[in-house]
Amino acid sequence: VTFGILIMAPCFMKFKNRFLDFVASIITIPIIAQLWVIP
């Protein structure tokens, strides 16, 4: 999960606004984590 987040999260956190990055992280990090734990 940590590896998956380190690889994929930067692709989604590209806003110039910290608040938007924060909101995006709340939504995308659980999705990324779930994708990587499925196997």
Full PDB file with SEQRES, HELIX, SHEET, SSBOND, CRYST1, ORIGX, SCALE, CONECT and MASTER records, all heavy atoms in Angstrom:
SEQRES   1 A   39  VAL THR PHE GLY ILE LEU ILE MET ALA PRO CYS PHE MET          
SEQRES   2 A   39  LYS PHE LYS ASN ARG PHE LEU ASP PHE VAL ALA SER ILE          
SEQRES   3 A   39  ILE THR ILE PRO ILE ILE ALA GLN LEU TRP VAL ILE PRO          
HELIX    1 AA1 THR A    2  PHE A   12  1                                  11    
HELIX    2 AA2 ARG A   18  VAL A   37  1                                  20    
CRYST1    1.000    1.000    1.000  90.00  90.00  90.00 P 1           1          
ORIGX1      1.000000  0.000000  0.000000        0.00000                         
ORIGX2      0.000000  1.000000  0.000000        0.00000                         
ORIGX3      0.000000  0.000000  1.000000        0.00000                         
SCALE1      1.000000  0.000000  0.000000        0.00000                         
SCALE2      0.000000  1.000000  0.000000        0.00000                         
SCALE3      0.000000  0.000000  1.000000        0.00000                         
ATOM      1  N   VAL A   1       0.839  -1.201   0.000  1.00  0.00           N  
ATOM      2  CA  VAL A   1       0.000   0.000   0.000  1.00  0.00           C  
ATOM      3  C   VAL A   1       0.875   1.252   0.000  1.00  0.00           C  
ATOM      4  O   VAL A   1       0.618   2.201  -0.760  1.00  0.00           O  
ATOM      5  CB  VAL A   1      -0.978  -0.003   1.195  1.00  0.00           C  
ATOM      6  CG1 VAL A   1      -1.605   1.361   1.395  1.00  0.00           C  
ATOM      7  CG2 VAL A   1      -2.059  -1.041   0.989  1.00  0.00           C  
ATOM      8  N   THR A   2       1.896   1.275   0.825  1.00  0.00           N  
ATOM      9  CA  THR A   2       2.781   2.438   0.869  1.00  0.00           C  
ATOM     10  C   THR A   2       3.453   2.643  -0.490  1.00  0.00           C  
ATOM     11  O   THR A   2       3.521   3.773  -0.995  1.00  0.00           O  
ATOM     12  CB  THR A   2       3.838   2.277   1.975  1.00  0.00           C  
ATOM     13  OG1 THR A   2       3.171   2.034   3.220  1.00  0.00           O  
ATOM     14  CG2 THR A   2       4.697   3.527   2.098  1.00  0.00           C  
ATOM     15  N   PHE A   3       3.925   1.567  -1.093  1.00  0.00           N  
ATOM     16  CA  PHE A   3       4.536   1.652  -2.419  1.00  0.00           C  
ATOM     17  C   PHE A   3       3.537   2.199  -3.439  1.00  0.00           C  
ATOM     18  O   PHE A   3       3.857   3.100  -4.215  1.00  0.00           O  
ATOM     19  CB  PHE A   3       5.061   0.276  -2.853  1.00  0.00           C  
ATOM     20  CG  PHE A   3       5.689   0.265  -4.204  1.00  0.00           C  
ATOM     21  CD1 PHE A   3       6.962   0.783  -4.393  1.00  0.00           C  
ATOM     22  CD2 PHE A   3       5.011  -0.253  -5.298  1.00  0.00           C  
ATOM     23  CE1 PHE A   3       7.553   0.784  -5.656  1.00  0.00           C  
ATOM     24  CE2 PHE A   3       5.592  -0.257  -6.557  1.00  0.00           C  
ATOM     25  CZ  PHE A   3       6.864   0.260  -6.736  1.00  0.00           C  
ATOM     26  N   GLY A   4       2.328   1.660  -3.433  1.00  0.00           N  
ATOM     27  CA  GLY A   4       1.299   2.115  -4.369  1.00  0.00           C  
ATOM     28  C   GLY A   4       0.978   3.590  -4.200  1.00  0.00           C  
ATOM     29  O   GLY A   4       0.836   4.325  -5.192  1.00  0.00           O  
ATOM     30  N   ILE A   5       0.878   4.031  -2.967  1.00  0.00           N  
ATOM     31  CA  ILE A   5       0.585   5.447  -2.711  1.00  0.00           C  
ATOM     32  C   ILE A   5       1.744   6.325  -3.178  1.00  0.00           C  
ATOM     33  O   ILE A   5       1.525   7.370  -3.804  1.00  0.00           O  
ATOM     34  CB  ILE A   5       0.263   5.669  -1.223  1.00  0.00           C  
ATOM     35  CG1 ILE A   5      -1.095   5.036  -0.889  1.00  0.00           C  
ATOM     36  CG2 ILE A   5       0.255   7.153  -0.874  1.00  0.00           C  
ATOM     37  CD1 ILE A   5      -1.410   4.958   0.591  1.00  0.00           C  
ATOM     38  N   LEU A   6       2.980   5.901  -2.903  1.00  0.00           N  
ATOM     39  CA  LEU A   6       4.137   6.685  -3.332  1.00  0.00           C  
ATOM     40  C   LEU A   6       4.219   6.788  -4.855  1.00  0.00           C  
ATOM     41  O   LEU A   6       4.628   7.821  -5.394  1.00  0.00           O  
ATOM     42  CB  LEU A   6       5.434   6.070  -2.787  1.00  0.00           C  
ATOM     43  CG  LEU A   6       5.646   6.176  -1.281  1.00  0.00           C  
ATOM     44  CD1 LEU A   6       6.881   5.393  -0.866  1.00  0.00           C  
ATOM     45  CD2 LEU A   6       5.751   7.630  -0.850  1.00  0.00           C  
ATOM     46  N   ILE A   7       3.823   5.726  -5.545  1.00  0.00           N  
ATOM     47  CA  ILE A   7       3.879   5.713  -7.012  1.00  0.00           C  
ATOM     48  C   ILE A   7       2.738   6.517  -7.630  1.00  0.00           C  
ATOM     49  O   ILE A   7       2.943   7.304  -8.556  1.00  0.00           O  
ATOM     50  CB  ILE A   7       3.803   4.250  -7.539  1.00  0.00           C  
ATOM     51  CG1 ILE A   7       5.032   3.462  -7.115  1.00  0.00           C  
ATOM     52  CG2 ILE A   7       3.616   4.190  -9.040  1.00  0.00           C  
ATOM     53  CD1 ILE A   7       6.292   3.863  -7.814  1.00  0.00           C  
ATOM     54  N   MET A   8       1.528   6.310  -7.118  1.00  0.00           N  
ATOM     55  CA  MET A   8       0.352   6.852  -7.811  1.00  0.00           C  
ATOM     56  C   MET A   8      -0.165   8.192  -7.287  1.00  0.00           C  
ATOM     57  O   MET A   8      -0.716   8.973  -8.061  1.00  0.00           O  
ATOM     58  CB  MET A   8      -0.787   5.825  -7.758  1.00  0.00           C  
ATOM     59  CG  MET A   8      -0.489   4.565  -8.548  1.00  0.00           C  
ATOM     60  SD  MET A   8      -1.832   3.370  -8.493  1.00  0.00           S  
ATOM     61  CE  MET A   8      -3.047   4.177  -9.519  1.00  0.00           C  
ATOM     62  N   ALA A   9      -0.029   8.468  -6.002  1.00  0.00           N  
ATOM     63  CA  ALA A   9      -0.611   9.684  -5.435  1.00  0.00           C  
ATOM     64  C   ALA A   9      -0.106  10.970  -6.086  1.00  0.00           C  
ATOM     65  O   ALA A   9      -0.916  11.875  -6.324  1.00  0.00           O  
ATOM     66  CB  ALA A   9      -0.405   9.722  -3.920  1.00  0.00           C  
ATOM     67  N   PRO A  10       1.180  11.084  -6.397  1.00  0.00           N  
ATOM     68  CA  PRO A  10       1.627  12.331  -7.030  1.00  0.00           C  
ATOM     69  C   PRO A  10       0.920  12.649  -8.346  1.00  0.00           C  
ATOM     70  O   PRO A  10       0.790  13.815  -8.717  1.00  0.00           O  
ATOM     71  CB  PRO A  10       3.131  12.101  -7.261  1.00  0.00           C  
ATOM     72  CG  PRO A  10       3.516  11.107  -6.232  1.00  0.00           C  
ATOM     73  CD  PRO A  10       2.312  10.207  -6.086  1.00  0.00           C  
ATOM     74  N   CYS A  11       0.442  11.635  -9.029  1.00  0.00           N  
ATOM     75  CA  CYS A  11      -0.285  11.862 -10.283  1.00  0.00           C  
ATOM     76  C   CYS A  11      -1.605  12.594 -10.055  1.00  0.00           C  
ATOM     77  O   CYS A  11      -2.105  13.271 -10.949  1.00  0.00           O  
ATOM     78  CB  CYS A  11      -0.566  10.531 -10.984  1.00  0.00           C  
ATOM     79  SG  CYS A  11       0.902   9.611 -11.398  1.00  0.00           S  
ATOM     80  N   PHE A  12      -2.173  12.440  -8.856  1.00  0.00           N  
ATOM     81  CA  PHE A  12      -3.477  13.035  -8.563  1.00  0.00           C  
ATOM     82  C   PHE A  12      -3.371  14.319  -7.756  1.00  0.00           C  
ATOM     83  O   PHE A  12      -4.336  15.054  -7.644  1.00  0.00           O  
ATOM     84  CB  PHE A  12      -4.353  12.035  -7.809  1.00  0.00           C  
ATOM     85  CG  PHE A  12      -4.648  10.799  -8.601  1.00  0.00           C  
ATOM     86  CD1 PHE A  12      -3.942   9.630  -8.387  1.00  0.00           C  
ATOM     87  CD2 PHE A  12      -5.628  10.814  -9.575  1.00  0.00           C  
ATOM     88  CE1 PHE A  12      -4.206   8.493  -9.118  1.00  0.00           C  
ATOM     89  CE2 PHE A  12      -5.899   9.681 -10.321  1.00  0.00           C  
ATOM     90  CZ  PHE A  12      -5.189   8.525 -10.093  1.00  0.00           C  
ATOM     91  N   MET A  13      -2.229  14.585  -7.169  1.00  0.00           N  
ATOM     92  CA  MET A  13      -2.053  15.770  -6.325  1.00  0.00           C  
ATOM     93  C   MET A  13      -1.309  16.851  -7.101  1.00  0.00           C  
ATOM     94  O   MET A  13      -0.175  17.178  -6.799  1.00  0.00           O  
ATOM     95  CB  MET A  13      -1.264  15.423  -5.052  1.00  0.00           C  
ATOM     96  CG  MET A  13      -1.749  14.253  -4.266  1.00  0.00           C  
ATOM     97  SD  MET A  13      -3.420  14.510  -3.678  1.00  0.00           S  
ATOM     98  CE  MET A  13      -4.042  12.856  -3.866  1.00  0.00           C  
ATOM     99  N   LYS A  14      -1.959  17.386  -8.112  1.00  0.00           N  
ATOM    100  CA  LYS A  14      -1.294  18.366  -8.971  1.00  0.00           C  
ATOM    101  C   LYS A  14      -1.963  19.731  -8.911  1.00  0.00           C  
ATOM    102  O   LYS A  14      -1.725  20.581  -9.759  1.00  0.00           O  
ATOM    103  CB  LYS A  14      -1.265  17.861 -10.412  1.00  0.00           C  
ATOM    104  CG  LYS A  14      -0.384  16.648 -10.578  1.00  0.00           C  
ATOM    105  CD  LYS A  14      -0.225  16.292 -12.018  1.00  0.00           C  
ATOM    106  CE  LYS A  14       0.758  15.150 -12.095  1.00  0.00           C  
ATOM    107  NZ  LYS A  14       1.261  14.898 -13.387  1.00  0.00           N  
ATOM    108  N   PHE A  15      -2.795  19.932  -7.921  1.00  0.00           N  
ATOM    109  CA  PHE A  15      -3.460  21.218  -7.790  1.00  0.00           C  
ATOM    110  C   PHE A  15      -2.479  22.235  -7.213  1.00  0.00           C  
ATOM    111  O   PHE A  15      -1.575  21.887  -6.462  1.00  0.00           O  
ATOM    112  CB  PHE A  15      -4.680  21.105  -6.884  1.00  0.00           C  
ATOM    113  CG  PHE A  15      -5.729  20.155  -7.403  1.00  0.00           C  
ATOM    114  CD1 PHE A  15      -5.865  18.889  -6.867  1.00  0.00           C  
ATOM    115  CD2 PHE A  15      -6.562  20.531  -8.428  1.00  0.00           C  
ATOM    116  CE1 PHE A  15      -6.812  18.006  -7.335  1.00  0.00           C  
ATOM    117  CE2 PHE A  15      -7.531  19.662  -8.919  1.00  0.00           C  
ATOM    118  CZ  PHE A  15      -7.658  18.397  -8.369  1.00  0.00           C  
ATOM    119  N   LYS A  16      -2.671  23.465  -7.542  1.00  0.00           N  
ATOM    120  CA  LYS A  16      -1.844  24.540  -6.974  1.00  0.00           C  
ATOM    121  C   LYS A  16      -2.404  25.000  -5.625  1.00  0.00           C  
ATOM    122  O   LYS A  16      -1.822  25.820  -4.957  1.00  0.00           O  
ATOM    123  CB  LYS A  16      -1.794  25.732  -7.934  1.00  0.00           C  
ATOM    124  CG  LYS A  16      -1.221  25.407  -9.274  1.00  0.00           C  
ATOM    125  CD  LYS A  16       0.269  25.272  -9.199  1.00  0.00           C  
ATOM    126  CE  LYS A  16       0.829  25.099 -10.584  1.00  0.00           C  
ATOM    127  NZ  LYS A  16       1.878  24.157 -10.671  1.00  0.00           N  
ATOM    128  N   ASN A  17      -3.529  24.423  -5.257  1.00  0.00           N  
ATOM    129  CA  ASN A  17      -4.223  24.811  -4.037  1.00  0.00           C  
ATOM    130  C   ASN A  17      -4.116  23.682  -3.011  1.00  0.00           C  
ATOM    131  O   ASN A  17      -4.471  22.540  -3.306  1.00  0.00           O  
ATOM    132  CB  ASN A  17      -5.697  25.091  -4.410  1.00  0.00           C  
ATOM    133  CG  ASN A  17      -6.524  25.532  -3.234  1.00  0.00           C  
ATOM    134  OD1 ASN A  17      -6.488  24.939  -2.166  1.00  0.00           O  
ATOM    135  ND2 ASN A  17      -7.283  26.591  -3.457  1.00  0.00           N  
ATOM    136  N   ARG A  18      -3.636  23.992  -1.817  1.00  0.00           N  
ATOM    137  CA  ARG A  18      -3.463  22.949  -0.794  1.00  0.00           C  
ATOM    138  C   ARG A  18      -4.787  22.319  -0.370  1.00  0.00           C  
ATOM    139  O   ARG A  18      -4.847  21.137  -0.068  1.00  0.00           O  
ATOM    140  CB  ARG A  18      -2.765  23.529   0.439  1.00  0.00           C  
ATOM    141  CG  ARG A  18      -1.305  23.708   0.242  1.00  0.00           C  
ATOM    142  CD  ARG A  18      -0.659  24.112   1.524  1.00  0.00           C  
ATOM    143  NE  ARG A  18       0.776  24.059   1.361  1.00  0.00           N  
ATOM    144  CZ  ARG A  18       1.625  24.161   2.335  1.00  0.00           C  
ATOM    145  NH1 ARG A  18       1.193  24.324   3.557  1.00  0.00           N  
ATOM    146  NH2 ARG A  18       2.911  24.105   2.101  1.00  0.00           N  
ATOM    147  N   PHE A  19      -5.832  23.122  -0.321  1.00  0.00           N  
ATOM    148  CA  PHE A  19      -7.131  22.585   0.071  1.00  0.00           C  
ATOM    149  C   PHE A  19      -7.616  21.562  -0.951  1.00  0.00           C  
ATOM    150  O   PHE A  19      -8.110  20.494  -0.578  1.00  0.00           O  
ATOM    151  CB  PHE A  19      -8.165  23.707   0.245  1.00  0.00           C  
ATOM    152  CG  PHE A  19      -9.537  23.197   0.598  1.00  0.00           C  
ATOM    153  CD1 PHE A  19      -9.799  22.718   1.872  1.00  0.00           C  
ATOM    154  CD2 PHE A  19     -10.552  23.161  -0.346  1.00  0.00           C  
ATOM    155  CE1 PHE A  19     -11.056  22.224   2.207  1.00  0.00           C  
ATOM    156  CE2 PHE A  19     -11.804  22.669  -0.032  1.00  0.00           C  
ATOM    157  CZ  PHE A  19     -12.053  22.208   1.257  1.00  0.00           C  
ATOM    158  N   LEU A  20      -7.477  21.861  -2.230  1.00  0.00           N  
ATOM    159  CA  LEU A  20      -7.895  20.922  -3.269  1.00  0.00           C  
ATOM    160  C   LEU A  20      -7.040  19.650  -3.236  1.00  0.00           C  
ATOM    161  O   LEU A  20      -7.558  18.551  -3.433  1.00  0.00           O  
ATOM    162  CB  LEU A  20      -7.830  21.573  -4.652  1.00  0.00           C  
ATOM    163  CG  LEU A  20      -8.844  22.686  -4.909  1.00  0.00           C  
ATOM    164  CD1 LEU A  20      -8.624  23.306  -6.284  1.00  0.00           C  
ATOM    165  CD2 LEU A  20     -10.266  22.167  -4.769  1.00  0.00           C  
ATOM    166  N   ASP A  21      -5.741  19.794  -2.972  1.00  0.00           N  
ATOM    167  CA  ASP A  21      -4.879  18.614  -2.814  1.00  0.00           C  
ATOM    168  C   ASP A  21      -5.343  17.765  -1.631  1.00  0.00           C  
ATOM    169  O   ASP A  21      -5.356  16.540  -1.701  1.00  0.00           O  
ATOM    170  CB  ASP A  21      -3.416  19.021  -2.600  1.00  0.00           C  
ATOM    171  CG  ASP A  21      -2.666  19.221  -3.895  1.00  0.00           C  
ATOM    172  OD1 ASP A  21      -3.130  18.714  -4.942  1.00  0.00           O  
ATOM    173  OD2 ASP A  21      -1.609  19.876  -3.866  1.00  0.00           O  
ATOM    174  N   PHE A  22      -5.717  18.426  -0.536  1.00  0.00           N  
ATOM    175  CA  PHE A  22      -6.191  17.724   0.654  1.00  0.00           C  
ATOM    176  C   PHE A  22      -7.469  16.940   0.342  1.00  0.00           C  
ATOM    177  O   PHE A  22      -7.574  15.754   0.660  1.00  0.00           O  
ATOM    178  CB  PHE A  22      -6.434  18.732   1.784  1.00  0.00           C  
ATOM    179  CG  PHE A  22      -7.070  18.144   3.004  1.00  0.00           C  
ATOM    180  CD1 PHE A  22      -6.340  17.324   3.854  1.00  0.00           C  
ATOM    181  CD2 PHE A  22      -8.404  18.400   3.293  1.00  0.00           C  
ATOM    182  CE1 PHE A  22      -6.934  16.780   4.982  1.00  0.00           C  
ATOM    183  CE2 PHE A  22      -8.998  17.856   4.408  1.00  0.00           C  
ATOM    184  CZ  PHE A  22      -8.261  17.047   5.264  1.00  0.00           C  
ATOM    185  N   VAL A  23      -8.419  17.584  -0.314  1.00  0.00           N  
ATOM    186  CA  VAL A  23      -9.681  16.915  -0.661  1.00  0.00           C  
ATOM    187  C   VAL A  23      -9.415  15.769  -1.631  1.00  0.00           C  
ATOM    188  O   VAL A  23      -9.957  14.669  -1.473  1.00  0.00           O  
ATOM    189  CB  VAL A  23     -10.698  17.924  -1.256  1.00  0.00           C  
ATOM    190  CG1 VAL A  23     -11.922  17.219  -1.809  1.00  0.00           C  
ATOM    191  CG2 VAL A  23     -11.101  18.952  -0.204  1.00  0.00           C  
ATOM    192  N   ALA A  24      -8.554  16.005  -2.605  1.00  0.00           N  
ATOM    193  CA  ALA A  24      -8.222  14.945  -3.565  1.00  0.00           C  
ATOM    194  C   ALA A  24      -7.566  13.767  -2.858  1.00  0.00           C  
ATOM    195  O   ALA A  24      -7.843  12.605  -3.172  1.00  0.00           O  
ATOM    196  CB  ALA A  24      -7.303  15.490  -4.660  1.00  0.00           C  
ATOM    197  N   SER A  25      -6.722  14.040  -1.868  1.00  0.00           N  
ATOM    198  CA  SER A  25      -6.041  12.945  -1.164  1.00  0.00           C  
ATOM    199  C   SER A  25      -7.020  12.114  -0.348  1.00  0.00           C  
ATOM    200  O   SER A  25      -6.874  10.894  -0.259  1.00  0.00           O  
ATOM    201  CB  SER A  25      -4.918  13.484  -0.273  1.00  0.00           C  
ATOM    202  OG  SER A  25      -5.433  14.176   0.846  1.00  0.00           O  
ATOM    203  N   ILE A  26      -8.023  12.754   0.239  1.00  0.00           N  
ATOM    204  CA  ILE A  26      -9.017  12.016   1.025  1.00  0.00           C  
ATOM    205  C   ILE A  26      -9.766  11.020   0.141  1.00  0.00           C  
ATOM    206  O   ILE A  26     -10.113   9.930   0.589  1.00  0.00           O  
ATOM    207  CB  ILE A  26     -10.008  12.987   1.717  1.00  0.00           C  
ATOM    208  CG1 ILE A  26      -9.301  13.715   2.851  1.00  0.00           C  
ATOM    209  CG2 ILE A  26     -11.239  12.264   2.234  1.00  0.00           C  
ATOM    210  CD1 ILE A  26     -10.136  14.787   3.508  1.00  0.00           C  
ATOM    211  N   ILE A  27      -9.965  11.375  -1.108  1.00  0.00           N  
ATOM    212  CA  ILE A  27     -10.707  10.506  -2.020  1.00  0.00           C  
ATOM    213  C   ILE A  27      -9.788   9.509  -2.728  1.00  0.00           C  
ATOM    214  O   ILE A  27     -10.095   8.321  -2.813  1.00  0.00           O  
ATOM    215  CB  ILE A  27     -11.485  11.359  -3.046  1.00  0.00           C  
ATOM    216  CG1 ILE A  27     -12.547  12.187  -2.306  1.00  0.00           C  
ATOM    217  CG2 ILE A  27     -12.111  10.491  -4.127  1.00  0.00           C  
ATOM    218  CD1 ILE A  27     -13.159  13.292  -3.115  1.00  0.00           C  
ATOM    219  N   THR A  28      -8.641   9.982  -3.214  1.00  0.00           N  
ATOM    220  CA  THR A  28      -7.805   9.113  -4.045  1.00  0.00           C  
ATOM    221  C   THR A  28      -6.957   8.114  -3.260  1.00  0.00           C  
ATOM    222  O   THR A  28      -6.743   6.997  -3.731  1.00  0.00           O  
ATOM    223  CB  THR A  28      -6.881   9.930  -4.963  1.00  0.00           C  
ATOM    224  OG1 THR A  28      -6.076  10.797  -4.169  1.00  0.00           O  
ATOM    225  CG2 THR A  28      -7.673  10.720  -5.974  1.00  0.00           C  
ATOM    226  N   ILE A  29      -6.476   8.478  -2.090  1.00  0.00           N  
ATOM    227  CA  ILE A  29      -5.589   7.566  -1.333  1.00  0.00           C  
ATOM    228  C   ILE A  29      -6.304   6.267  -0.985  1.00  0.00           C  
ATOM    229  O   ILE A  29      -5.740   5.187  -1.191  1.00  0.00           O  
ATOM    230  CB  ILE A  29      -5.008   8.271  -0.086  1.00  0.00           C  
ATOM    231  CG1 ILE A  29      -4.225   9.480  -0.530  1.00  0.00           C  
ATOM    232  CG2 ILE A  29      -4.242   7.299   0.796  1.00  0.00           C  
ATOM    233  CD1 ILE A  29      -2.764   9.485  -0.530  1.00  0.00           C  
ATOM    234  N   PRO A  30      -7.541   6.289  -0.470  1.00  0.00           N  
ATOM    235  CA  PRO A  30      -8.215   5.004  -0.228  1.00  0.00           C  
ATOM    236  C   PRO A  30      -8.430   4.189  -1.507  1.00  0.00           C  
ATOM    237  O   PRO A  30      -8.347   2.957  -1.476  1.00  0.00           O  
ATOM    238  CB  PRO A  30      -9.556   5.401   0.397  1.00  0.00           C  
ATOM    239  CG  PRO A  30      -9.326   6.734   0.993  1.00  0.00           C  
ATOM    240  CD  PRO A  30      -8.329   7.404   0.088  1.00  0.00           C  
ATOM    241  N   ILE A  31      -8.688   4.861  -2.616  1.00  0.00           N  
ATOM    242  CA  ILE A  31      -8.873   4.140  -3.880  1.00  0.00           C  
ATOM    243  C   ILE A  31      -7.558   3.498  -4.313  1.00  0.00           C  
ATOM    244  O   ILE A  31      -7.519   2.316  -4.693  1.00  0.00           O  
ATOM    245  CB  ILE A  31      -9.426   5.087  -4.975  1.00  0.00           C  
ATOM    246  CG1 ILE A  31     -10.846   5.539  -4.605  1.00  0.00           C  
ATOM    247  CG2 ILE A  31      -9.403   4.417  -6.345  1.00  0.00           C  
ATOM    248  CD1 ILE A  31     -11.390   6.666  -5.456  1.00  0.00           C  
ATOM    249  N   ILE A  32      -6.474   4.251  -4.228  1.00  0.00           N  
ATOM    250  CA  ILE A  32      -5.157   3.709  -4.575  1.00  0.00           C  
ATOM    251  C   ILE A  32      -4.818   2.524  -3.674  1.00  0.00           C  
ATOM    252  O   ILE A  32      -4.379   1.474  -4.144  1.00  0.00           O  
ATOM    253  CB  ILE A  32      -4.068   4.808  -4.470  1.00  0.00           C  
ATOM    254  CG1 ILE A  32      -4.275   5.874  -5.556  1.00  0.00           C  
ATOM    255  CG2 ILE A  32      -2.671   4.204  -4.552  1.00  0.00           C  
ATOM    256  CD1 ILE A  32      -3.436   7.129  -5.355  1.00  0.00           C  
ATOM    257  N   ALA A  33      -5.027   2.709  -2.369  1.00  0.00           N  
ATOM    258  CA  ALA A  33      -4.722   1.638  -1.415  1.00  0.00           C  
ATOM    259  C   ALA A  33      -5.512   0.376  -1.747  1.00  0.00           C  
ATOM    260  O   ALA A  33      -4.962  -0.731  -1.757  1.00  0.00           O  
ATOM    261  CB  ALA A  33      -5.014   2.099   0.015  1.00  0.00           C  
ATOM    262  N   GLN A  34      -6.789   0.534  -2.049  1.00  0.00           N  
ATOM    263  CA  GLN A  34      -7.620  -0.626  -2.359  1.00  0.00           C  
ATOM    264  C   GLN A  34      -7.154  -1.332  -3.629  1.00  0.00           C  
ATOM    265  O   GLN A  34      -7.113  -2.559  -3.677  1.00  0.00           O  
ATOM    266  CB  GLN A  34      -9.087  -0.205  -2.492  1.00  0.00           C  
ATOM    267  CG  GLN A  34     -10.033  -1.360  -2.616  1.00  0.00           C  
ATOM    268  CD  GLN A  34     -10.026  -2.254  -1.390  1.00  0.00           C  
ATOM    269  OE1 GLN A  34      -9.970  -1.781  -0.276  1.00  0.00           O  
ATOM    270  NE2 GLN A  34     -10.065  -3.561  -1.592  1.00  0.00           N  
ATOM    271  N   LEU A  35      -6.794  -0.561  -4.628  1.00  0.00           N  
ATOM    272  CA  LEU A  35      -6.307  -1.170  -5.869  1.00  0.00           C  
ATOM    273  C   LEU A  35      -5.063  -2.027  -5.628  1.00  0.00           C  
ATOM    274  O   LEU A  35      -4.928  -3.110  -6.192  1.00  0.00           O  
ATOM    275  CB  LEU A  35      -5.980  -0.084  -6.898  1.00  0.00           C  
ATOM    276  CG  LEU A  35      -7.166   0.604  -7.558  1.00  0.00           C  
ATOM    277  CD1 LEU A  35      -6.689   1.774  -8.416  1.00  0.00           C  
ATOM    278  CD2 LEU A  35      -7.955  -0.380  -8.396  1.00  0.00           C  
ATOM    279  N   TRP A  36      -4.168  -1.544  -4.786  1.00  0.00           N  
ATOM    280  CA  TRP A  36      -2.914  -2.254  -4.543  1.00  0.00           C  
ATOM    281  C   TRP A  36      -3.078  -3.449  -3.611  1.00  0.00           C  
ATOM    282  O   TRP A  36      -2.252  -4.362  -3.647  1.00  0.00           O  
ATOM    283  CB  TRP A  36      -1.846  -1.292  -4.022  1.00  0.00           C  
ATOM    284  CG  TRP A  36      -1.289  -0.467  -5.151  1.00  0.00           C  
ATOM    285  CD1 TRP A  36      -1.845   0.653  -5.688  1.00  0.00           C  
ATOM    286  CD2 TRP A  36      -0.118  -0.728  -5.904  1.00  0.00           C  
ATOM    287  NE1 TRP A  36      -1.073   1.112  -6.733  1.00  0.00           N  
ATOM    288  CE2 TRP A  36      -0.001   0.283  -6.880  1.00  0.00           C  
ATOM    289  CE3 TRP A  36       0.869  -1.704  -5.850  1.00  0.00           C  
ATOM    290  CZ2 TRP A  36       1.050   0.337  -7.785  1.00  0.00           C  
ATOM    291  CZ3 TRP A  36       1.923  -1.645  -6.743  1.00  0.00           C  
ATOM    292  CH2 TRP A  36       2.007  -0.633  -7.706  1.00  0.00           C  
ATOM    293  N   VAL A  37      -4.110  -3.461  -2.768  1.00  0.00           N  
ATOM    294  CA  VAL A  37      -4.277  -4.614  -1.860  1.00  0.00           C  
ATOM    295  C   VAL A  37      -5.114  -5.726  -2.456  1.00  0.00           C  
ATOM    296  O   VAL A  37      -5.122  -6.839  -1.925  1.00  0.00           O  
ATOM    297  CB  VAL A  37      -4.861  -4.227  -0.477  1.00  0.00           C  
ATOM    298  CG1 VAL A  37      -4.005  -3.224   0.226  1.00  0.00           C  
ATOM    299  CG2 VAL A  37      -6.292  -3.772  -0.570  1.00  0.00           C  
ATOM    300  N   ILE A  38      -5.797  -5.471  -3.549  1.00  0.00           N  
ATOM    301  CA  ILE A  38      -6.680  -6.488  -4.134  1.00  0.00           C  
ATOM    302  C   ILE A  38      -5.967  -7.826  -4.364  1.00  0.00           C  
ATOM    303  O   ILE A  38      -6.498  -8.866  -3.967  1.00  0.00           O  
ATOM    304  CB  ILE A  38      -7.368  -5.962  -5.416  1.00  0.00           C  
ATOM    305  CG1 ILE A  38      -8.488  -4.994  -5.025  1.00  0.00           C  
ATOM    306  CG2 ILE A  38      -7.932  -7.099  -6.256  1.00  0.00           C  
ATOM    307  CD1 ILE A  38      -9.144  -4.297  -6.202  1.00  0.00           C  
ATOM    308  N   PRO A  39      -4.785  -7.862  -4.965  1.00  0.00           N  
ATOM    309  CA  PRO A  39      -4.152  -9.178  -5.169  1.00  0.00           C  
ATOM    310  C   PRO A  39      -3.877  -9.925  -3.854  1.00  0.00           C  
ATOM    311  O   PRO A  39      -4.085 -11.140  -3.777  1.00  0.00           O  
ATOM    312  CB  PRO A  39      -2.837  -8.844  -5.883  1.00  0.00           C  
ATOM    313  CG  PRO A  39      -3.033  -7.498  -6.455  1.00  0.00           C  
ATOM    314  CD  PRO A  39      -4.006  -6.783  -5.580  1.00  0.00           C  
TER     315      PRO A  39                                                      
MASTER        0    0    0    2    0    0    0    6  314    1    0    3          
END                                                                             
